[in-house]
Amino acid sequence: MQALTKWSVNQIRTFLGHGKAYGNLLRSYSTRDRHELSKHSDELKKRKKSTLYYLGAVGVLIMGASYASVPLYRIFCQSFSYGGTVVISPEKPNLSQLPKVKERLITIKFNADHSSSLKWNFHPRQSEIIVSR
């Protein structure tokens, strides 16, 4: 009797699905060896099925995350004022009731930016104005 070694199992695996070559190789082993090979084949099928289930679950998870990403991003942007969203206060401030600050100086700065493709050349007459109340 020929013992089923790791090498011979690997050799049989390479012949799987090759018709006569697999059948002839399998006949050369004893009944006990064929039973072990069949058991190994069943375990291999279980592992392949389990792997397929895991890959399917990962695919479903990725699809769910892609569908949920847009609403979650919108909620995040609205909460933290990112992405061009503006946080609007539920109460409108009454400007007439705000306290006046007389000692504060306000600086207004002017700039004259323009596109580089335009052939304009202009500058503000003064760069800033300081205003007090």
C-alpha atoms as a PDB file:
ATOM      1  CA  MET A   1       0.000   0.000   0.000  1.00  0.00           C
ATOM      2  CA  GLN A   2       1.097   3.447  -0.791  1.00  0.00           C
ATOM      3  CA  ALA A   3       0.966   5.953   2.077  1.00  0.00           C
ATOM      4  CA  LEU A   4      -0.812   9.225   1.419  1.00  0.00           C
ATOM      5  CA  THR A   5       1.883  11.829   1.950  1.00  0.00           C
ATOM      6  CA  LYS A   6       1.657  15.562   1.781  1.00  0.00           C
ATOM      7  CA  TRP A   7       3.381  15.481  -1.591  1.00  0.00           C
ATOM      8  CA  SER A   8       0.907  12.971  -3.040  1.00  0.00           C
ATOM      9  CA  VAL A   9      -2.081  14.975  -1.761  1.00  0.00           C
ATOM     10  CA  ASN A  10      -0.660  18.067  -3.467  1.00  0.00           C
ATOM     11  CA  GLN A  11      -0.097  16.017  -6.613  1.00  0.00           C
ATOM     12  CA  ILE A  12      -3.733  14.865  -6.559  1.00  0.00           C
ATOM     13  CA  ARG A  13      -4.903  18.449  -6.023  1.00  0.00           C
ATOM     14  CA  THR A  14      -3.113  19.490  -9.196  1.00  0.00           C
ATOM     15  CA  PHE A  15      -4.927  16.793 -11.149  1.00  0.00           C
ATOM     16  CA  LEU A  16      -8.389  17.740  -9.871  1.00  0.00           C
ATOM     17  CA  GLY A  17     -10.695  18.270 -12.773  1.00  0.00           C
ATOM     18  CA  HIS A  18      -8.378  16.579 -15.320  1.00  0.00           C
ATOM     19  CA  GLY A  19     -10.643  13.564 -15.971  1.00  0.00           C
ATOM     20  CA  LYS A  20      -8.759  10.296 -16.578  1.00  0.00           C
ATOM     21  CA  ALA A  21      -5.499  11.440 -15.018  1.00  0.00           C
ATOM     22  CA  TYR A  22      -7.256  12.107 -11.715  1.00  0.00           C
ATOM     23  CA  GLY A  23      -9.154   8.802 -11.841  1.00  0.00           C
ATOM     24  CA  ASN A  24      -6.009   6.767 -12.594  1.00  0.00           C
ATOM     25  CA  LEU A  25      -4.075   8.507  -9.844  1.00  0.00           C
ATOM     26  CA  LEU A  26      -6.890   7.980  -7.360  1.00  0.00           C
ATOM     27  CA  ARG A  27      -7.156   4.230  -8.187  1.00  0.00           C
ATOM     28  CA  SER A  28      -3.509   3.751  -7.271  1.00  0.00           C
ATOM     29  CA  TYR A  29      -4.274   4.589  -3.608  1.00  0.00           C
ATOM     30  CA  SER A  30      -5.936   2.324  -1.075  1.00  0.00           C
ATOM     31  CA  THR A  31      -9.535   2.718   0.148  1.00  0.00           C
ATOM     32  CA  ARG A  32      -8.352   4.345   3.353  1.00  0.00           C
ATOM     33  CA  ASP A  33      -6.279   6.868   1.407  1.00  0.00           C
ATOM     34  CA  ARG A  34      -9.212   7.610  -0.913  1.00  0.00           C
ATOM     35  CA  HIS A  35     -11.426   8.204   2.137  1.00  0.00           C
ATOM     36  CA  GLU A  36      -8.885  10.670   3.537  1.00  0.00           C
ATOM     37  CA  LEU A  37      -8.701  12.396   0.166  1.00  0.00           C
ATOM     38  CA  SER A  38     -12.505  12.608   0.022  1.00  0.00           C
ATOM     39  CA  LYS A  39     -12.563  14.023   3.553  1.00  0.00           C
ATOM     40  CA  HIS A  40      -9.948  16.585   2.555  1.00  0.00           C
ATOM     41  CA  SER A  41     -12.028  17.480  -0.498  1.00  0.00           C
ATOM     42  CA  ASP A  42     -15.100  18.051   1.712  1.00  0.00           C
ATOM     43  CA  GLU A  43     -13.088  20.291   4.041  1.00  0.00           C
ATOM     44  CA  LEU A  44     -11.790  22.202   1.040  1.00  0.00           C
ATOM     45  CA  LYS A  45     -15.344  22.734  -0.229  1.00  0.00           C
ATOM     46  CA  LYS A  46     -16.412  23.996   3.213  1.00  0.00           C
ATOM     47  CA  ARG A  47     -13.499  26.437   3.311  1.00  0.00           C
ATOM     48  CA  LYS A  48     -14.264  27.720  -0.174  1.00  0.00           C
ATOM     49  CA  LYS A  49     -17.925  28.181   0.744  1.00  0.00           C
ATOM     50  CA  SER A  50     -16.985  29.975   3.968  1.00  0.00           C
ATOM     51  CA  THR A  51     -14.596  32.242   2.075  1.00  0.00           C
ATOM     52  CA  LEU A  52     -17.318  33.014  -0.451  1.00  0.00           C
ATOM     53  CA  TYR A  53     -19.715  33.966   2.358  1.00  0.00           C
ATOM     54  CA  TYR A  54     -17.109  36.253   3.937  1.00  0.00           C
ATOM     55  CA  LEU A  55     -16.377  37.944   0.613  1.00  0.00           C
ATOM     56  CA  GLY A  56     -20.100  38.409   0.009  1.00  0.00           C
ATOM     57  CA  ALA A  57     -20.527  39.964   3.455  1.00  0.00           C
ATOM     58  CA  VAL A  58     -17.621  42.330   2.833  1.00  0.00           C
ATOM     59  CA  GLY A  59     -19.154  43.313  -0.518  1.00  0.00           C
ATOM     60  CA  VAL A  60     -22.526  44.027   1.099  1.00  0.00           C
ATOM     61  CA  LEU A  61     -20.777  46.028   3.838  1.00  0.00           C
ATOM     62  CA  ILE A  62     -18.904  48.128   1.270  1.00  0.00           C
ATOM     63  CA  MET A  63     -22.095  48.788  -0.701  1.00  0.00           C
ATOM     64  CA  GLY A  64     -23.905  49.821   2.502  1.00  0.00           C
ATOM     65  CA  ALA A  65     -21.067  52.144   3.477  1.00  0.00           C
ATOM     66  CA  SER A  66     -21.084  53.766   0.031  1.00  0.00           C
ATOM     67  CA  TYR A  67     -24.836  54.423   0.212  1.00  0.00           C
ATOM     68  CA  ALA A  68     -24.569  55.756   3.771  1.00  0.00           C
ATOM     69  CA  SER A  69     -21.551  57.977   3.100  1.00  0.00           C
ATOM     70  CA  VAL A  70     -23.442  60.853   1.424  1.00  0.00           C
ATOM     71  CA  PRO A  71     -26.015  61.434   4.191  1.00  0.00           C
ATOM     72  CA  LEU A  72     -23.373  60.937   6.891  1.00  0.00           C
ATOM     73  CA  TYR A  73     -21.046  63.446   5.198  1.00  0.00           C
ATOM     74  CA  ARG A  74     -23.908  65.963   4.904  1.00  0.00           C
ATOM     75  CA  ILE A  75     -24.716  65.584   8.620  1.00  0.00           C
ATOM     76  CA  PHE A  76     -21.032  66.006   9.509  1.00  0.00           C
ATOM     77  CA  CYS A  77     -20.687  69.149   7.359  1.00  0.00           C
ATOM     78  CA  GLN A  78     -23.834  70.708   8.790  1.00  0.00           C
ATOM     79  CA  SER A  79     -22.687  70.003  12.336  1.00  0.00           C
ATOM     80  CA  PHE A  80     -19.178  71.435  11.986  1.00  0.00           C
ATOM     81  CA  SER A  81     -19.648  73.999   9.142  1.00  0.00           C
ATOM     82  CA  TYR A  82     -17.433  72.178   6.638  1.00  0.00           C
ATOM     83  CA  GLY A  83     -17.884  71.864   2.908  1.00  0.00           C
ATOM     84  CA  GLY A  84     -19.490  75.266   2.387  1.00  0.00           C
ATOM     85  CA  THR A  85     -22.365  74.735   4.803  1.00  0.00           C
ATOM     86  CA  VAL A  86     -23.216  77.558   7.169  1.00  0.00           C
ATOM     87  CA  VAL A  87     -24.452  77.124  10.706  1.00  0.00           C
ATOM     88  CA  ILE A  88     -27.543  79.265  11.149  1.00  0.00           C
ATOM     89  CA  SER A  89     -28.563  80.305  14.619  1.00  0.00           C
ATOM     90  CA  PRO A  90     -32.168  79.464  15.485  1.00  0.00           C
ATOM     91  CA  GLU A  91     -32.567  82.911  17.061  1.00  0.00           C
ATOM     92  CA  LYS A  92     -32.101  86.089  15.045  1.00  0.00           C
ATOM     93  CA  PRO A  93     -30.053  88.621  17.026  1.00  0.00           C
ATOM     94  CA  ASN A  94     -31.668  91.965  17.765  1.00  0.00           C
ATOM     95  CA  LEU A  95     -28.996  94.478  16.788  1.00  0.00           C
ATOM     96  CA  SER A  96     -30.594  97.379  18.631  1.00  0.00           C
ATOM     97  CA  GLN A  97     -30.085  95.576  21.957  1.00  0.00           C
ATOM     98  CA  LEU A  98     -26.394  94.848  21.471  1.00  0.00           C
ATOM     99  CA  PRO A  99     -24.103  96.956  23.661  1.00  0.00           C
ATOM    100  CA  LYS A 100     -22.136  99.688  21.884  1.00  0.00           C
ATOM    101  CA  VAL A 101     -18.362  99.617  22.128  1.00  0.00           C
ATOM    102  CA  LYS A 102     -17.027 103.144  21.705  1.00  0.00           C
ATOM    103  CA  GLU A 103     -13.325 102.477  22.290  1.00  0.00           C
ATOM    104  CA  ARG A 104     -12.992  99.896  19.542  1.00  0.00           C
ATOM    105  CA  LEU A 105     -11.246 100.775  16.301  1.00  0.00           C
ATOM    106  CA  ILE A 106     -12.251  99.009  13.088  1.00  0.00           C
ATOM    107  CA  THR A 107      -9.684  98.561  10.328  1.00  0.00           C
ATOM    108  CA  ILE A 108     -10.969  98.202   6.777  1.00  0.00           C
ATOM    109  CA  LYS A 109      -8.402  96.840   4.305  1.00  0.00           C
ATOM    110  CA  PHE A 110      -8.719  97.173   0.524  1.00  0.00           C
ATOM    111  CA  ASN A 111      -7.180  94.877  -1.988  1.00  0.00           C
ATOM    112  CA  ALA A 112      -7.258  94.817  -5.768  1.00  0.00           C
ATOM    113  CA  ASP A 113      -6.971  91.182  -6.772  1.00  0.00           C
ATOM    114  CA  HIS A 114      -7.726  90.200 -10.320  1.00  0.00           C
ATOM    115  CA  SER A 115      -7.271  87.237 -12.609  1.00  0.00           C
ATOM    116  CA  SER A 116      -3.840  86.854 -14.168  1.00  0.00           C
ATOM    117  CA  SER A 117      -5.452  86.371 -17.588  1.00  0.00           C
ATOM    118  CA  LEU A 118      -6.844  89.921 -17.491  1.00  0.00           C
ATOM    119  CA  LYS A 119      -4.533  92.643 -18.734  1.00  0.00           C
ATOM    120  CA  TRP A 120      -5.646  95.093 -16.119  1.00  0.00           C
ATOM    121  CA  ASN A 121      -3.294  96.827 -13.769  1.00  0.00           C
ATOM    122  CA  PHE A 122      -4.889  98.690 -10.895  1.00  0.00           C
ATOM    123  CA  HIS A 123      -4.204  99.302  -7.192  1.00  0.00           C
ATOM    124  CA  PRO A 124      -6.268 100.847  -4.404  1.00  0.00           C
ATOM    125  CA  ARG A 125      -5.426 104.494  -3.639  1.00  0.00           C
ATOM    126  CA  GLN A 126      -5.007 103.629   0.013  1.00  0.00           C
ATOM    127  CA  SER A 127      -4.523 100.187   1.490  1.00  0.00           C
ATOM    128  CA  GLU A 128      -6.588 100.637   4.677  1.00  0.00           C
ATOM    129  CA  ILE A 129      -8.892 102.964   6.643  1.00  0.00           C
ATOM    130  CA  ILE A 130      -9.237 102.997  10.436  1.00  0.00           C
ATOM    131  CA  VAL A 131     -12.726 103.883  11.611  1.00  0.00           C
ATOM    132  CA  SER A 132     -13.791 104.653  15.172  1.00  0.00           C
ATOM    133  CA  ARG A 133     -17.282 105.038  16.486  1.00  0.00           C
END
